[in-house]
Amino acid sequence: MNCREALPLMHEVLDGDATASEAWELRKHMTECESCRERYQRLESSETLVRSMSGFASGFTAPYGMTDRIMGNLPIKKSSSWFNWMKRHPAISVAVIFMLLMMGSLFSTWNGDKELVVKGVDLEEVVIKGNTVMIPSGHTLDGSLVVQGGELQVGENVNVTGNITIIDGTLNMASTAHIAGQITKIDEMFGWLWYKLTNFIDVIR
């Protein structure tokens, strides 16, 4: 046994966890090693002192009211002002959380809306080829038309009685085409979010 192996074994012997053969090996080593013998004696003295202090502490009783005085002098942990505001305004807090969740859902929808989407009341005159949506020349489209993720081509002398909305796409329109409503192009995410929110409000009204 060397000194490195002897040190952890000293603690096991002092704690009473060592076997008889391990204790015998340690004592044999200490008869030949003065350094380990002195170290063991210091550890033994320290453990005896700790045990005596533990016995003293277990018999100690704090004076009456001392615990209450110490606890009363401890600083009071202040709760978050934001948390207090939420507790005072539960309805507004729920509305804010709902809006945050809805905005997160809309953000994810914007990232996922890359396919062509065509919406309208009257789509019989609309021709779709790949990502291109065409209103052939000389036709009339009743109502509004929404094209998302594609190109809208409006031919000559086309008449649209409603609005045209282009989301994340392009619009090519002949100069003789007539649009009764508004033409709205939404290329940025915040504009698209506003469009979605206004549609949502119109639905729940």
N, C-alpha and C. Protein backbone atom coordinates (compact mmCIF):
# COMPACT_ATOMS: atom_id res chain seq x y z
N MET A 1 0.85 -1.19 0.00
CA MET A 1 0.00 0.00 0.00
C MET A 1 0.89 1.25 0.00
N ASN A 2 0.55 2.22 -0.87
CA ASN A 2 1.29 3.47 -0.88
C ASN A 2 0.47 4.57 -0.19
N CYS A 3 1.05 5.77 -0.09
CA CYS A 3 0.40 6.87 0.63
C CYS A 3 -0.88 7.33 -0.06
N ARG A 4 -0.90 7.29 -1.40
CA ARG A 4 -2.08 7.72 -2.13
C ARG A 4 -3.27 6.80 -1.85
N GLU A 5 -3.02 5.52 -1.71
CA GLU A 5 -4.08 4.57 -1.40
C GLU A 5 -4.50 4.65 0.06
N ALA A 6 -3.56 5.08 0.92
CA ALA A 6 -3.82 5.10 2.36
C ALA A 6 -4.77 6.23 2.75
N LEU A 7 -4.72 7.39 2.05
CA LEU A 7 -5.51 8.56 2.45
C LEU A 7 -7.02 8.30 2.41
N PRO A 8 -7.61 7.81 1.32
CA PRO A 8 -9.06 7.56 1.37
C PRO A 8 -9.44 6.46 2.35
N LEU A 9 -8.52 5.55 2.58
CA LEU A 9 -8.80 4.47 3.52
C LEU A 9 -8.85 4.99 4.95
N MET A 10 -8.10 6.06 5.23
CA MET A 10 -8.13 6.67 6.58
C MET A 10 -9.54 7.16 6.90
N HIS A 11 -10.17 7.81 5.93
CA HIS A 11 -11.52 8.33 6.14
C HIS A 11 -12.52 7.19 6.35
N GLU A 12 -12.34 6.10 5.61
CA GLU A 12 -13.24 4.96 5.76
C GLU A 12 -13.09 4.33 7.14
N VAL A 13 -11.85 4.23 7.62
CA VAL A 13 -11.61 3.65 8.96
C VAL A 13 -12.23 4.54 10.03
N LEU A 14 -12.04 5.87 9.90
CA LEU A 14 -12.58 6.79 10.90
C LEU A 14 -14.11 6.81 10.88
N ASP A 15 -14.70 6.59 9.69
CA ASP A 15 -16.16 6.56 9.58
C ASP A 15 -16.74 5.20 9.93
N GLY A 16 -15.87 4.22 10.12
CA GLY A 16 -16.34 2.87 10.45
C GLY A 16 -16.82 2.08 9.26
N ASP A 17 -16.42 2.51 8.04
CA ASP A 17 -16.88 1.83 6.82
C ASP A 17 -15.87 0.84 6.28
N ALA A 18 -14.68 0.82 6.83
CA ALA A 18 -13.62 -0.07 6.32
C ALA A 18 -13.78 -1.48 6.90
N THR A 19 -13.37 -2.47 6.11
CA THR A 19 -13.39 -3.85 6.60
C THR A 19 -12.21 -4.08 7.52
N ALA A 20 -12.23 -5.21 8.20
CA ALA A 20 -11.15 -5.52 9.14
C ALA A 20 -9.82 -5.66 8.42
N SER A 21 -9.83 -6.29 7.24
CA SER A 21 -8.58 -6.47 6.49
C SER A 21 -8.04 -5.13 6.00
N GLU A 22 -8.95 -4.20 5.57
CA GLU A 22 -8.51 -2.88 5.12
C GLU A 22 -7.92 -2.09 6.28
N ALA A 23 -8.55 -2.16 7.45
CA ALA A 23 -8.02 -1.46 8.63
C ALA A 23 -6.65 -2.02 9.01
N TRP A 24 -6.50 -3.34 8.88
CA TRP A 24 -5.20 -3.96 9.23
C TRP A 24 -4.12 -3.52 8.24
N GLU A 25 -4.47 -3.43 6.94
CA GLU A 25 -3.51 -2.99 5.94
C GLU A 25 -3.07 -1.55 6.19
N LEU A 26 -4.04 -0.71 6.59
CA LEU A 26 -3.72 0.68 6.87
C LEU A 26 -2.79 0.80 8.07
N ARG A 27 -3.09 0.07 9.12
CA ARG A 27 -2.25 0.14 10.32
C ARG A 27 -0.85 -0.39 10.03
N LYS A 28 -0.74 -1.41 9.21
CA LYS A 28 0.57 -1.94 8.82
C LYS A 28 1.37 -0.89 8.07
N HIS A 29 0.66 -0.16 7.15
CA HIS A 29 1.34 0.89 6.39
C HIS A 29 1.80 2.01 7.30
N MET A 30 0.96 2.40 8.29
CA MET A 30 1.31 3.51 9.16
C MET A 30 2.47 3.18 10.09
N THR A 31 2.69 1.91 10.40
CA THR A 31 3.86 1.54 11.22
C THR A 31 5.15 1.78 10.46
N GLU A 32 5.05 1.78 9.11
CA GLU A 32 6.25 1.99 8.29
C GLU A 32 6.35 3.41 7.74
N CYS A 33 5.22 4.17 7.75
CA CYS A 33 5.21 5.52 7.17
C CYS A 33 4.83 6.53 8.24
N GLU A 34 5.79 7.33 8.65
CA GLU A 34 5.55 8.31 9.72
C GLU A 34 4.62 9.43 9.25
N SER A 35 4.73 9.81 7.96
CA SER A 35 3.90 10.89 7.42
C SER A 35 2.42 10.52 7.47
N CYS A 36 2.08 9.30 7.06
CA CYS A 36 0.68 8.86 7.08
C CYS A 36 0.19 8.69 8.52
N ARG A 37 1.09 8.27 9.40
CA ARG A 37 0.70 8.09 10.80
C ARG A 37 0.33 9.44 11.42
N GLU A 38 1.12 10.49 11.13
CA GLU A 38 0.82 11.83 11.65
C GLU A 38 -0.47 12.38 11.03
N ARG A 39 -0.65 12.11 9.75
CA ARG A 39 -1.87 12.57 9.09
C ARG A 39 -3.10 11.92 9.69
N TYR A 40 -3.02 10.65 9.95
CA TYR A 40 -4.14 9.91 10.55
C TYR A 40 -4.47 10.46 11.94
N GLN A 41 -3.44 10.79 12.71
CA GLN A 41 -3.65 11.33 14.05
C GLN A 41 -4.34 12.69 14.00
N ARG A 42 -3.95 13.52 12.99
CA ARG A 42 -4.60 14.83 12.84
C ARG A 42 -6.06 14.67 12.45
N LEU A 43 -6.33 13.73 11.53
CA LEU A 43 -7.71 13.49 11.12
C LEU A 43 -8.55 12.97 12.28
N GLU A 44 -7.95 12.11 13.09
CA GLU A 44 -8.65 11.54 14.23
C GLU A 44 -8.98 12.62 15.25
N SER A 45 -8.02 13.55 15.47
CA SER A 45 -8.26 14.65 16.41
C SER A 45 -9.35 15.58 15.91
N SER A 46 -9.32 15.87 14.58
CA SER A 46 -10.33 16.76 14.01
C SER A 46 -11.71 16.15 14.12
N GLU A 47 -11.82 14.85 13.87
CA GLU A 47 -13.12 14.19 13.94
C GLU A 47 -13.64 14.16 15.37
N THR A 48 -12.75 13.98 16.32
CA THR A 48 -13.17 13.98 17.72
C THR A 48 -13.71 15.36 18.11
N LEU A 49 -13.02 16.43 17.60
CA LEU A 49 -13.46 17.78 17.90
C LEU A 49 -14.83 18.07 17.30
N VAL A 50 -15.03 17.63 16.05
CA VAL A 50 -16.31 17.86 15.37
C VAL A 50 -17.43 17.16 16.12
N ARG A 51 -17.19 15.95 16.55
CA ARG A 51 -18.22 15.20 17.28
C ARG A 51 -18.57 15.86 18.60
N SER A 52 -17.55 16.38 19.28
CA SER A 52 -17.83 17.05 20.55
C SER A 52 -18.61 18.34 20.34
N MET A 53 -18.31 19.09 19.25
CA MET A 53 -19.05 20.31 18.95
C MET A 53 -20.49 19.99 18.55
N SER A 54 -20.67 18.86 17.84
CA SER A 54 -22.03 18.46 17.45
C SER A 54 -22.87 18.15 18.67
N GLY A 55 -22.25 17.52 19.65
CA GLY A 55 -22.98 17.21 20.87
C GLY A 55 -23.36 18.47 21.62
N PHE A 56 -22.45 19.46 21.59
CA PHE A 56 -22.74 20.73 22.26
C PHE A 56 -23.88 21.47 21.56
N ALA A 57 -23.83 21.47 20.21
CA ALA A 57 -24.85 22.19 19.44
C ALA A 57 -26.22 21.55 19.60
N SER A 58 -26.25 20.23 19.72
CA SER A 58 -27.55 19.57 19.85
C SER A 58 -28.23 19.90 21.16
N GLY A 59 -27.45 20.26 22.17
CA GLY A 59 -28.04 20.62 23.45
C GLY A 59 -28.30 22.10 23.61
N PHE A 60 -28.00 22.89 22.56
CA PHE A 60 -28.17 24.34 22.63
C PHE A 60 -29.60 24.72 22.26
N THR A 61 -30.22 25.61 23.01
CA THR A 61 -31.57 26.09 22.75
C THR A 61 -31.53 27.61 22.58
N ALA A 62 -32.06 28.11 21.47
CA ALA A 62 -32.06 29.54 21.21
C ALA A 62 -32.98 30.25 22.18
N PRO A 63 -32.65 31.48 22.59
CA PRO A 63 -33.51 32.24 23.50
C PRO A 63 -34.88 32.47 22.88
N TYR A 64 -35.87 32.67 23.74
CA TYR A 64 -37.26 32.86 23.30
C TYR A 64 -37.37 34.10 22.40
N GLY A 65 -37.98 33.94 21.22
CA GLY A 65 -38.21 35.06 20.31
C GLY A 65 -37.05 35.38 19.40
N MET A 66 -35.91 34.68 19.56
CA MET A 66 -34.74 35.00 18.74
C MET A 66 -34.99 34.68 17.27
N THR A 67 -35.63 33.55 17.00
CA THR A 67 -35.91 33.15 15.61
C THR A 67 -36.82 34.16 14.93
N ASP A 68 -37.87 34.64 15.65
CA ASP A 68 -38.79 35.62 15.07
C ASP A 68 -38.09 36.93 14.78
N ARG A 69 -37.17 37.33 15.67
CA ARG A 69 -36.46 38.60 15.45
C ARG A 69 -35.54 38.51 14.23
N ILE A 70 -34.87 37.36 14.08
CA ILE A 70 -33.98 37.19 12.93
C ILE A 70 -34.78 37.18 11.63
N MET A 71 -35.89 36.44 11.61
CA MET A 71 -36.70 36.37 10.41
C MET A 71 -37.33 37.72 10.06
N GLY A 72 -37.67 38.50 11.11
CA GLY A 72 -38.28 39.81 10.88
C GLY A 72 -37.30 40.81 10.30
N ASN A 73 -36.01 40.64 10.58
CA ASN A 73 -34.99 41.56 10.07
C ASN A 73 -34.49 41.20 8.68
N LEU A 74 -34.90 40.04 8.18
CA LEU A 74 -34.48 39.65 6.84
C LEU A 74 -35.18 40.53 5.82
N PRO A 75 -34.49 40.91 4.71
CA PRO A 75 -35.14 41.76 3.69
C PRO A 75 -36.28 41.01 3.01
N ILE A 76 -37.36 41.74 2.76
CA ILE A 76 -38.52 41.15 2.10
C ILE A 76 -38.28 41.12 0.60
N LYS A 77 -38.44 39.94 0.02
CA LYS A 77 -38.24 39.79 -1.42
C LYS A 77 -39.41 40.44 -2.16
N LYS A 78 -39.07 41.39 -2.99
CA LYS A 78 -40.10 42.10 -3.74
C LYS A 78 -40.44 41.31 -5.00
N SER A 79 -41.73 41.16 -5.23
CA SER A 79 -42.17 40.46 -6.43
C SER A 79 -42.05 41.39 -7.63
N SER A 80 -41.99 40.82 -8.79
CA SER A 80 -41.83 41.58 -10.03
C SER A 80 -43.00 42.53 -10.23
N SER A 81 -42.69 43.77 -10.65
CA SER A 81 -43.74 44.76 -10.91
C SER A 81 -44.60 44.31 -12.09
N TRP A 82 -43.99 43.63 -13.07
CA TRP A 82 -44.75 43.12 -14.21
C TRP A 82 -45.75 42.06 -13.76
N PHE A 83 -45.30 41.19 -12.83
CA PHE A 83 -46.19 40.15 -12.31
C PHE A 83 -47.34 40.78 -11.53
N ASN A 84 -47.05 41.81 -10.74
CA ASN A 84 -48.11 42.49 -9.98
C ASN A 84 -49.12 43.15 -10.92
N TRP A 85 -48.60 43.76 -12.01
CA TRP A 85 -49.49 44.41 -12.97
C TRP A 85 -50.41 43.37 -13.60
N MET A 86 -49.87 42.18 -13.93
CA MET A 86 -50.68 41.13 -14.54
C MET A 86 -51.77 40.64 -13.59
N LYS A 87 -51.43 40.58 -12.28
CA LYS A 87 -52.44 40.15 -11.30
C LYS A 87 -53.55 41.17 -11.16
N ARG A 88 -53.21 42.46 -11.31
CA ARG A 88 -54.22 43.51 -11.17
C ARG A 88 -55.08 43.64 -12.43
N HIS A 89 -54.55 43.21 -13.60
CA HIS A 89 -55.28 43.34 -14.86
C HIS A 89 -55.35 41.98 -15.57
N PRO A 90 -56.11 41.04 -15.02
CA PRO A 90 -56.12 39.69 -15.61
C PRO A 90 -56.70 39.65 -17.02
N ALA A 91 -57.73 40.46 -17.30
CA ALA A 91 -58.36 40.42 -18.63
C ALA A 91 -57.39 40.91 -19.70
N ILE A 92 -56.69 42.00 -19.41
CA ILE A 92 -55.72 42.53 -20.37
C ILE A 92 -54.57 41.54 -20.56
N SER A 93 -54.15 40.89 -19.46
CA SER A 93 -53.06 39.92 -19.54
C SER A 93 -53.43 38.76 -20.45
N VAL A 94 -54.67 38.27 -20.31
CA VAL A 94 -55.13 37.17 -21.18
C VAL A 94 -55.16 37.61 -22.63
N ALA A 95 -55.61 38.84 -22.86
CA ALA A 95 -55.67 39.35 -24.24
C ALA A 95 -54.28 39.48 -24.84
N VAL A 96 -53.33 39.97 -24.04
CA VAL A 96 -51.95 40.12 -24.54
C VAL A 96 -51.35 38.75 -24.87
N ILE A 97 -51.56 37.77 -23.97
CA ILE A 97 -51.03 36.42 -24.22
C ILE A 97 -51.67 35.83 -25.47
N PHE A 98 -52.98 36.05 -25.64
CA PHE A 98 -53.67 35.55 -26.84
C PHE A 98 -53.09 36.17 -28.10
N MET A 99 -52.84 37.48 -28.05
CA MET A 99 -52.29 38.16 -29.22
C MET A 99 -50.89 37.66 -29.54
N LEU A 100 -50.08 37.43 -28.50
CA LEU A 100 -48.72 36.91 -28.72
C LEU A 100 -48.75 35.54 -29.36
N LEU A 101 -49.66 34.67 -28.85
CA LEU A 101 -49.79 33.33 -29.43
C LEU A 101 -50.26 33.40 -30.88
N MET A 102 -51.22 34.30 -31.14
CA MET A 102 -51.74 34.42 -32.50
C MET A 102 -50.68 34.97 -33.43
N MET A 103 -49.89 35.94 -32.95
CA MET A 103 -48.82 36.49 -33.77
C MET A 103 -47.78 35.43 -34.09
N GLY A 104 -47.46 34.59 -33.08
CA GLY A 104 -46.52 33.50 -33.32
C GLY A 104 -47.05 32.53 -34.36
N SER A 105 -48.34 32.24 -34.29
CA SER A 105 -48.96 31.35 -35.27
C SER A 105 -48.92 31.97 -36.66
N LEU A 106 -49.18 33.28 -36.75
CA LEU A 106 -49.15 33.96 -38.05
C LEU A 106 -47.75 34.00 -38.63
N PHE A 107 -46.73 34.21 -37.75
CA PHE A 107 -45.35 34.19 -38.22
C PHE A 107 -45.01 32.85 -38.86
N SER A 108 -45.40 31.77 -38.18
CA SER A 108 -45.11 30.44 -38.71
C SER A 108 -45.89 30.18 -40.00
N THR A 109 -47.12 30.73 -40.09
CA THR A 109 -47.91 30.57 -41.31
C THR A 109 -47.27 31.32 -42.47
N TRP A 110 -46.73 32.52 -42.20
CA TRP A 110 -46.05 33.29 -43.25
C TRP A 110 -44.87 32.50 -43.80
N ASN A 111 -44.10 31.88 -42.91
CA ASN A 111 -42.95 31.10 -43.36
C ASN A 111 -43.38 29.87 -44.16
N GLY A 112 -44.59 29.35 -43.85
CA GLY A 112 -45.03 28.14 -44.53
C GLY A 112 -45.85 28.40 -45.78
N ASP A 113 -46.35 29.65 -45.94
CA ASP A 113 -47.20 29.96 -47.10
C ASP A 113 -46.33 30.30 -48.32
N LYS A 114 -45.80 29.29 -48.98
CA LYS A 114 -44.99 29.49 -50.18
C LYS A 114 -45.68 28.93 -51.42
N GLU A 115 -46.79 28.22 -51.25
CA GLU A 115 -47.49 27.66 -52.38
C GLU A 115 -48.50 28.67 -52.93
N LEU A 116 -48.88 28.46 -54.18
CA LEU A 116 -49.84 29.35 -54.82
C LEU A 116 -51.22 29.18 -54.20
N VAL A 117 -51.84 30.33 -53.85
CA VAL A 117 -53.20 30.34 -53.31
C VAL A 117 -54.00 31.38 -54.07
N VAL A 118 -55.18 30.98 -54.58
CA VAL A 118 -56.06 31.89 -55.31
C VAL A 118 -57.43 31.87 -54.63
N LYS A 119 -57.91 33.05 -54.25
CA LYS A 119 -59.21 33.16 -53.58
C LYS A 119 -60.07 34.21 -54.28
N GLY A 120 -61.34 33.89 -54.42
CA GLY A 120 -62.27 34.84 -55.03
C GLY A 120 -63.66 34.25 -55.13
N VAL A 121 -64.65 35.12 -55.36
CA VAL A 121 -66.04 34.66 -55.50
C VAL A 121 -66.27 34.08 -56.88
N ASP A 122 -65.75 34.75 -57.90
CA ASP A 122 -65.97 34.35 -59.29
C ASP A 122 -64.63 33.94 -59.90
N LEU A 123 -64.35 32.64 -59.93
CA LEU A 123 -63.08 32.14 -60.46
C LEU A 123 -63.25 31.39 -61.78
N GLU A 124 -64.46 31.45 -62.37
CA GLU A 124 -64.70 30.71 -63.62
C GLU A 124 -63.89 31.26 -64.78
N GLU A 125 -63.62 32.57 -64.76
CA GLU A 125 -62.88 33.20 -65.86
C GLU A 125 -61.37 33.22 -65.60
N VAL A 126 -60.93 32.64 -64.47
CA VAL A 126 -59.51 32.68 -64.10
C VAL A 126 -58.83 31.42 -64.62
N VAL A 127 -57.66 31.60 -65.24
CA VAL A 127 -56.87 30.49 -65.77
C VAL A 127 -55.58 30.39 -64.96
N ILE A 128 -55.27 29.18 -64.50
CA ILE A 128 -54.07 28.97 -63.68
C ILE A 128 -53.14 28.01 -64.41
N LYS A 129 -51.90 28.45 -64.64
CA LYS A 129 -50.87 27.61 -65.25
C LYS A 129 -49.61 27.71 -64.39
N GLY A 130 -49.32 26.62 -63.66
CA GLY A 130 -48.16 26.65 -62.76
C GLY A 130 -48.37 27.66 -61.66
N ASN A 131 -47.46 28.65 -61.55
CA ASN A 131 -47.59 29.72 -60.57
C ASN A 131 -48.15 31.01 -61.19
N THR A 132 -48.68 30.90 -62.37
CA THR A 132 -49.22 32.07 -63.06
C THR A 132 -50.75 32.02 -63.07
N VAL A 133 -51.39 33.11 -62.66
CA VAL A 133 -52.85 33.24 -62.64
C VAL A 133 -53.22 34.30 -63.68
N MET A 134 -54.09 33.93 -64.63
CA MET A 134 -54.41 34.84 -65.73
C MET A 134 -55.91 35.12 -65.78
N ILE A 135 -56.22 36.40 -66.04
CA ILE A 135 -57.59 36.79 -66.38
C ILE A 135 -57.54 37.17 -67.87
N PRO A 136 -58.07 36.31 -68.72
CA PRO A 136 -57.93 36.55 -70.16
C PRO A 136 -58.57 37.86 -70.61
N SER A 137 -58.09 38.37 -71.70
CA SER A 137 -58.56 39.65 -72.26
C SER A 137 -60.06 39.60 -72.55
N GLY A 138 -60.72 40.73 -72.26
CA GLY A 138 -62.13 40.89 -72.57
C GLY A 138 -63.09 40.28 -71.57
N HIS A 139 -62.58 39.70 -70.47
CA HIS A 139 -63.46 39.05 -69.49
C HIS A 139 -63.75 39.99 -68.31
N THR A 140 -64.84 39.69 -67.61
CA THR A 140 -65.23 40.45 -66.41
C THR A 140 -65.19 39.52 -65.22
N LEU A 141 -64.55 40.00 -64.16
CA LEU A 141 -64.44 39.22 -62.92
C LEU A 141 -65.26 39.92 -61.85
N ASP A 142 -66.30 39.27 -61.38
CA ASP A 142 -67.15 39.85 -60.33
C ASP A 142 -66.54 39.58 -58.96
N GLY A 143 -66.48 40.61 -58.12
CA GLY A 143 -65.94 40.45 -56.77
C GLY A 143 -64.44 40.67 -56.72
N SER A 144 -63.86 40.33 -55.59
CA SER A 144 -62.43 40.55 -55.36
C SER A 144 -61.63 39.29 -55.67
N LEU A 145 -60.32 39.48 -55.83
CA LEU A 145 -59.41 38.36 -56.14
C LEU A 145 -58.16 38.50 -55.29
N VAL A 146 -57.77 37.39 -54.66
CA VAL A 146 -56.53 37.34 -53.86
C VAL A 146 -55.62 36.29 -54.47
N VAL A 147 -54.38 36.68 -54.79
CA VAL A 147 -53.39 35.75 -55.33
C VAL A 147 -52.17 35.80 -54.41
N GLN A 148 -51.80 34.64 -53.90
CA GLN A 148 -50.66 34.56 -52.97
C GLN A 148 -49.62 33.60 -53.53
N GLY A 149 -48.37 34.08 -53.55
CA GLY A 149 -47.26 33.23 -53.96
C GLY A 149 -47.19 32.96 -55.44
N GLY A 150 -47.70 33.86 -56.28
CA GLY A 150 -47.66 33.66 -57.72
C GLY A 150 -47.71 34.96 -58.49
N GLU A 151 -47.84 34.85 -59.81
CA GLU A 151 -47.91 36.02 -60.69
C GLU A 151 -49.32 36.14 -61.25
N LEU A 152 -49.90 37.34 -61.15
CA LEU A 152 -51.22 37.60 -61.71
C LEU A 152 -51.05 38.41 -62.99
N GLN A 153 -51.63 37.90 -64.07
CA GLN A 153 -51.62 38.60 -65.35
C GLN A 153 -53.06 38.99 -65.70
N VAL A 154 -53.27 40.29 -65.87
CA VAL A 154 -54.60 40.82 -66.21
C VAL A 154 -54.55 41.30 -67.66
N GLY A 155 -55.35 40.68 -68.53
CA GLY A 155 -55.32 41.00 -69.96
C GLY A 155 -56.01 42.30 -70.31
N GLU A 156 -56.04 42.58 -71.60
CA GLU A 156 -56.63 43.83 -72.10
C GLU A 156 -58.15 43.81 -71.96
N ASN A 157 -58.67 45.00 -71.64
CA ASN A 157 -60.12 45.22 -71.52
C ASN A 157 -60.77 44.30 -70.48
N VAL A 158 -59.98 43.88 -69.49
CA VAL A 158 -60.53 43.09 -68.38
C VAL A 158 -61.21 44.04 -67.40
N ASN A 159 -62.36 43.62 -66.84
CA ASN A 159 -63.08 44.43 -65.87
C ASN A 159 -63.21 43.63 -64.57
N VAL A 160 -62.66 44.16 -63.48
CA VAL A 160 -62.75 43.53 -62.15
C VAL A 160 -63.58 44.44 -61.27
N THR A 161 -64.70 43.93 -60.76
CA THR A 161 -65.62 44.77 -60.00
C THR A 161 -65.20 44.95 -58.54
N GLY A 162 -64.25 44.16 -58.06
CA GLY A 162 -63.81 44.24 -56.66
C GLY A 162 -62.35 44.65 -56.53
N ASN A 163 -61.74 44.21 -55.45
CA ASN A 163 -60.34 44.52 -55.17
C ASN A 163 -59.42 43.41 -55.68
N ILE A 164 -58.16 43.75 -55.89
CA ILE A 164 -57.13 42.76 -56.22
C ILE A 164 -56.05 42.86 -55.15
N THR A 165 -55.74 41.73 -54.53
CA THR A 165 -54.69 41.68 -53.50
C THR A 165 -53.63 40.66 -53.93
N ILE A 166 -52.38 41.12 -53.97
CA ILE A 166 -51.24 40.26 -54.34
C ILE A 166 -50.36 40.10 -53.10
N ILE A 167 -50.23 38.86 -52.63
CA ILE A 167 -49.41 38.58 -51.45
C ILE A 167 -48.17 37.82 -51.87
N ASP A 168 -47.02 38.40 -51.63
CA ASP A 168 -45.73 37.75 -51.94
C ASP A 168 -45.72 37.27 -53.39
N GLY A 169 -46.12 38.15 -54.31
CA GLY A 169 -46.16 37.80 -55.73
C GLY A 169 -46.02 39.04 -56.59
N THR A 170 -46.35 38.89 -57.89
CA THR A 170 -46.21 40.00 -58.83
C THR A 170 -47.52 40.20 -59.59
N LEU A 171 -47.67 41.42 -60.15
CA LEU A 171 -48.87 41.77 -60.93
C LEU A 171 -48.44 42.38 -62.25
N ASN A 172 -48.93 41.80 -63.35
CA ASN A 172 -48.73 42.36 -64.69
C ASN A 172 -50.11 42.65 -65.26
N MET A 173 -50.38 43.92 -65.49
CA MET A 173 -51.73 44.32 -65.89
C MET A 173 -51.67 45.17 -67.15
N ALA A 174 -52.54 44.86 -68.09
CA ALA A 174 -52.61 45.64 -69.33
C ALA A 174 -53.14 47.05 -69.03
N SER A 175 -52.74 48.01 -69.82
CA SER A 175 -53.13 49.40 -69.58
C SER A 175 -54.62 49.64 -69.77
N THR A 176 -55.28 48.78 -70.56
CA THR A 176 -56.71 48.96 -70.82
C THR A 176 -57.59 48.22 -69.81
N ALA A 177 -56.95 47.51 -68.84
CA ALA A 177 -57.73 46.79 -67.82
C ALA A 177 -58.32 47.78 -66.83
N HIS A 178 -59.52 47.46 -66.31
CA HIS A 178 -60.19 48.36 -65.36
C HIS A 178 -60.47 47.61 -64.06
N ILE A 179 -59.95 48.18 -62.95
CA ILE A 179 -60.16 47.60 -61.62
C ILE A 179 -61.01 48.58 -60.83
N ALA A 180 -62.23 48.15 -60.46
CA ALA A 180 -63.15 49.05 -59.76
C ALA A 180 -62.68 49.31 -58.32
N GLY A 181 -62.11 48.32 -57.69
CA GLY A 181 -61.67 48.46 -56.30
C GLY A 181 -60.21 48.87 -56.18
N GLN A 182 -59.59 48.46 -55.10
CA GLN A 182 -58.19 48.83 -54.84
C GLN A 182 -57.26 47.68 -55.21
N ILE A 183 -56.04 48.05 -55.59
CA ILE A 183 -54.98 47.06 -55.85
C ILE A 183 -53.99 47.14 -54.70
N THR A 184 -53.85 46.03 -53.98
CA THR A 184 -52.96 46.00 -52.81
C THR A 184 -51.88 44.94 -53.02
N LYS A 185 -50.62 45.36 -52.85
CA LYS A 185 -49.50 44.42 -52.93
C LYS A 185 -48.89 44.29 -51.55
N ILE A 186 -48.77 43.06 -51.08
CA ILE A 186 -48.20 42.79 -49.75
C ILE A 186 -46.96 41.93 -49.94
N ASP A 187 -45.80 42.57 -49.78
CA ASP A 187 -44.54 41.85 -49.95
C ASP A 187 -43.83 41.61 -48.62
N GLU A 188 -44.09 42.46 -47.62
CA GLU A 188 -43.41 42.33 -46.34
C GLU A 188 -44.29 41.59 -45.34
N MET A 189 -43.64 40.94 -44.40
CA MET A 189 -44.35 40.09 -43.44
C MET A 189 -45.32 40.91 -42.58
N PHE A 190 -44.94 42.12 -42.19
CA PHE A 190 -45.82 42.90 -41.30
C PHE A 190 -47.09 43.34 -42.03
N GLY A 191 -46.94 43.64 -43.33
CA GLY A 191 -48.12 43.96 -44.11
C GLY A 191 -49.04 42.76 -44.23
N TRP A 192 -48.45 41.59 -44.39
CA TRP A 192 -49.24 40.36 -44.47
C TRP A 192 -49.93 40.07 -43.15
N LEU A 193 -49.24 40.33 -42.03
CA LEU A 193 -49.85 40.14 -40.71
C LEU A 193 -51.04 41.07 -40.52
N TRP A 194 -50.88 42.31 -40.95
CA TRP A 194 -51.99 43.27 -40.82
C TRP A 194 -53.17 42.81 -41.66
N TYR A 195 -52.91 42.30 -42.86
CA TYR A 195 -53.96 41.79 -43.73
C TYR A 195 -54.69 40.63 -43.06
N LYS A 196 -53.96 39.71 -42.45
CA LYS A 196 -54.55 38.56 -41.77
C LYS A 196 -55.40 39.00 -40.58
N LEU A 197 -54.88 39.98 -39.81
CA LEU A 197 -55.60 40.45 -38.63
C LEU A 197 -56.90 41.14 -39.01
N THR A 198 -56.86 41.97 -40.05
CA THR A 198 -58.08 42.66 -40.46
C THR A 198 -59.12 41.66 -40.98
N ASN A 199 -58.66 40.62 -41.69
CA ASN A 199 -59.58 39.59 -42.13
C ASN A 199 -60.19 38.83 -40.98
N PHE A 200 -59.36 38.56 -39.95
CA PHE A 200 -59.83 37.85 -38.76
C PHE A 200 -60.88 38.67 -38.03
N ILE A 201 -60.66 39.99 -37.93
CA ILE A 201 -61.62 40.87 -37.25
C ILE A 201 -62.94 40.92 -38.03
N ASP A 202 -62.84 40.95 -39.36
CA ASP A 202 -64.05 40.98 -40.19
C ASP A 202 -64.87 39.71 -40.02
N VAL A 203 -64.17 38.56 -39.81
CA VAL A 203 -64.86 37.28 -39.68
C VAL A 203 -65.62 37.21 -38.35
N ILE A 204 -65.01 37.70 -37.26
CA ILE A 204 -65.63 37.57 -35.94
C ILE A 204 -66.69 38.63 -35.69
N ARG A 205 -66.80 39.62 -36.53
CA ARG A 205 -67.82 40.66 -36.31
C ARG A 205 -69.24 40.11 -36.55
